[in-house]
């Protein structure tokens, strides 16, 4: 069922393995895995396409780790990396690529509401950050996203 996801995961983690800075490599692997696991629960609870959600999770911070780009540019650049890879690998339809890359591009805009896949990715990112450091306070929309994600997972 998730064969395409597995191929994407192999590619992304292969690229992360090449990161020279050990701290950055660990952050890439840890955070990507956390978002991937979080989005699995959220997508299943909400009926969002699981494979697209998990692929979006793999690439959502890709440029931040591989290019070490400024945080303000990482969502846009990560979506471009994802688009290039997903187009070249030939495993995904154009509509799927558009859905995935749009979610990646929008995932930093936590204050706005968007497509179901965007919302799942935003919420998975917040949930993952919380799980990585539960003592870091979450306020405003990030706190609300965490509460909504947990409620959806619990009710499923």
Protein backbone atom coordinates (compact mmCIF):
# COMPACT_ATOMS: atom_id res chain seq x y z
CA UNK A 1 0.00 0.00 0.00
CA UNK A 2 2.76 2.46 0.83
CA UNK A 3 5.34 1.33 -1.73
CA UNK A 4 5.76 4.80 -3.21
CA UNK A 5 6.18 6.30 0.25
CA UNK A 6 8.92 3.74 1.00
CA UNK A 7 10.82 4.79 -2.14
CA UNK A 8 10.54 8.46 -1.19
CA UNK A 9 11.63 7.68 2.37
CA UNK A 10 14.68 5.82 1.08
CA UNK A 11 15.62 8.84 -1.04
CA UNK A 12 15.07 11.47 1.69
CA UNK A 13 16.88 9.51 4.38
CA UNK A 14 19.68 8.78 1.90
CA UNK A 15 20.10 12.53 1.38
CA UNK A 16 20.05 13.14 5.13
CA UNK A 17 22.78 10.51 5.59
CA UNK A 18 25.06 12.74 3.47
CA UNK A 19 24.70 15.74 5.81
CA UNK A 20 28.18 16.43 7.15
CA UNK A 21 27.16 18.36 10.28
CA UNK A 22 26.26 15.66 12.80
CA UNK A 23 23.86 17.85 14.84
CA UNK A 24 22.00 18.90 11.69
CA UNK A 25 21.83 15.27 10.51
CA UNK A 26 20.40 14.13 13.85
CA UNK A 27 17.86 16.97 13.81
CA UNK A 28 16.84 16.04 10.26
CA UNK A 29 16.35 12.37 11.07
CA UNK A 30 14.66 12.95 14.43
CA UNK A 31 12.23 15.68 13.39
CA UNK A 32 11.32 14.06 10.07
CA UNK A 33 10.59 10.76 11.84
CA UNK A 34 8.50 12.56 14.48
CA UNK A 35 6.41 14.39 11.89
CA UNK A 36 6.03 11.19 9.85
CA UNK A 37 4.69 9.29 12.87
CA UNK A 38 2.48 12.19 13.97
CA UNK A 39 0.94 12.63 10.53
CA UNK A 40 0.18 8.92 10.39
CA UNK A 41 -2.10 9.22 13.41
CA UNK A 42 -3.66 12.49 12.24
CA UNK A 43 -4.26 11.36 8.64
CA UNK A 44 -5.86 8.11 9.77
CA UNK A 45 -8.06 9.90 12.31
CA UNK A 46 -9.21 12.49 9.75
CA UNK A 47 -9.47 10.28 6.68
CA UNK A 48 -6.74 12.21 4.86
CA UNK A 49 -4.83 10.29 2.18
CA UNK A 50 -2.17 8.50 4.23
CA UNK A 51 0.47 8.05 1.55
CA UNK A 52 0.39 11.69 0.42
CA UNK A 53 0.47 12.82 4.05
CA UNK A 54 3.51 10.70 4.84
CA UNK A 55 5.34 11.85 1.69
CA UNK A 56 4.62 15.48 2.60
CA UNK A 57 5.99 14.82 6.09
CA UNK A 58 9.22 13.42 4.64
CA UNK A 59 9.90 16.52 2.56
CA UNK A 60 8.36 19.28 4.74
CA UNK A 61 11.68 20.57 6.18
CA UNK A 62 13.98 19.03 3.58
CA UNK A 63 15.64 22.28 2.43
CA UNK A 64 16.23 23.40 6.01
CA UNK A 65 18.34 20.30 6.58
CA UNK A 66 19.90 19.60 3.16
CA UNK A 67 20.52 23.21 2.11
CA UNK A 68 20.73 24.64 5.64
CA UNK A 69 18.64 27.51 4.28
CA UNK A 70 17.07 30.31 6.35
CA UNK A 71 13.93 29.18 8.17
CA UNK A 72 11.88 31.85 6.37
CA UNK A 73 12.61 30.14 3.02
CA UNK A 74 12.52 26.47 4.01
CA UNK A 75 8.87 25.71 3.21
CA UNK A 76 9.06 27.13 -0.31
CA UNK A 77 12.45 25.55 -1.05
CA UNK A 78 11.40 22.20 0.42
CA UNK A 79 8.32 22.17 -1.83
CA UNK A 80 10.56 22.81 -4.85
CA UNK A 81 12.86 19.92 -3.89
CA UNK A 82 9.83 17.69 -3.43
CA UNK A 83 8.36 18.73 -6.77
CA UNK A 84 11.61 18.01 -8.60
CA UNK A 85 12.07 14.58 -7.00
CA UNK A 86 8.42 13.48 -7.26
CA UNK A 87 8.26 14.55 -10.92
CA UNK A 88 11.53 12.80 -11.81
CA UNK A 89 10.75 9.55 -9.99
CA UNK A 90 7.60 9.13 -12.10
CA UNK A 91 5.60 7.42 -9.37
CA UNK A 92 3.05 10.16 -8.71
CA UNK A 93 0.35 11.82 -10.79
CA UNK A 94 0.56 15.57 -11.32
CA UNK A 95 -2.48 16.14 -9.07
CA UNK A 96 -0.82 14.17 -6.27
CA UNK A 97 2.44 16.10 -6.66
CA UNK A 98 0.53 19.39 -6.60
CA UNK A 99 -1.35 18.37 -3.44
CA UNK A 100 1.84 17.27 -1.66
CA UNK A 101 3.99 20.23 -2.66
CA UNK A 102 1.24 22.74 -1.84
CA UNK A 103 0.98 21.30 1.68
CA UNK A 104 4.74 21.54 2.11
CA UNK A 105 4.79 25.13 0.84
CA UNK A 106 2.00 26.16 3.24
CA UNK A 107 3.01 24.21 6.35
CA UNK A 108 4.71 27.12 8.11
CA UNK A 109 1.56 29.26 7.92
CA UNK A 110 0.15 27.89 11.16
CA UNK A 111 -2.24 30.83 11.61
CA UNK A 112 -4.18 30.17 8.40
CA UNK A 113 -6.49 27.31 7.42
CA UNK A 114 -6.02 25.40 4.20
CA UNK A 115 -6.57 22.07 2.45
CA UNK A 116 -7.02 18.92 4.56
CA UNK A 117 -3.50 17.76 3.70
CA UNK A 118 -2.06 21.18 4.65
CA UNK A 119 -3.89 21.09 7.94
CA UNK A 120 -2.68 17.57 8.69
CA UNK A 121 0.93 18.59 7.99
CA UNK A 122 0.72 21.77 10.06
CA UNK A 123 -0.80 19.87 12.97
CA UNK A 124 1.70 17.00 12.68
CA UNK A 125 4.56 19.50 12.73
CA UNK A 126 3.21 21.09 15.91
CA UNK A 127 2.54 17.69 17.53
CA UNK A 128 6.04 16.48 16.64
CA UNK A 129 7.67 19.62 18.09
CA UNK A 130 5.63 19.13 21.26
CA UNK A 131 6.65 15.47 21.55
CA UNK A 132 10.30 16.41 20.95
CA UNK A 133 10.17 19.00 23.76
CA UNK A 134 6.99 18.86 25.89
CA UNK A 135 8.31 21.58 28.21
CA UNK A 136 8.48 24.23 25.48
CA UNK A 137 5.31 26.30 25.85
CA UNK A 138 2.88 26.42 22.96
CA UNK A 139 0.64 29.44 22.67
CA UNK A 140 -2.04 30.75 20.36
CA UNK A 141 -2.73 28.79 17.20
CA UNK A 142 0.05 26.28 17.80
CA UNK A 143 -1.53 25.32 21.12
CA UNK A 144 -4.94 25.06 19.47
CA UNK A 145 -3.51 22.89 16.69
CA UNK A 146 -1.98 20.56 19.26
CA UNK A 147 -5.27 20.26 21.14
CA UNK A 148 -7.23 19.66 17.92
CA UNK A 149 -4.80 17.00 16.70
CA UNK A 150 -4.88 15.19 20.04
CA UNK A 151 -8.69 15.33 20.14
CA UNK A 152 -8.95 13.91 16.60
CA UNK A 153 -6.49 11.11 17.40
CA UNK A 154 -8.25 10.28 20.66
CA UNK A 155 -11.70 10.14 19.05
CA UNK A 156 -10.53 7.82 16.26
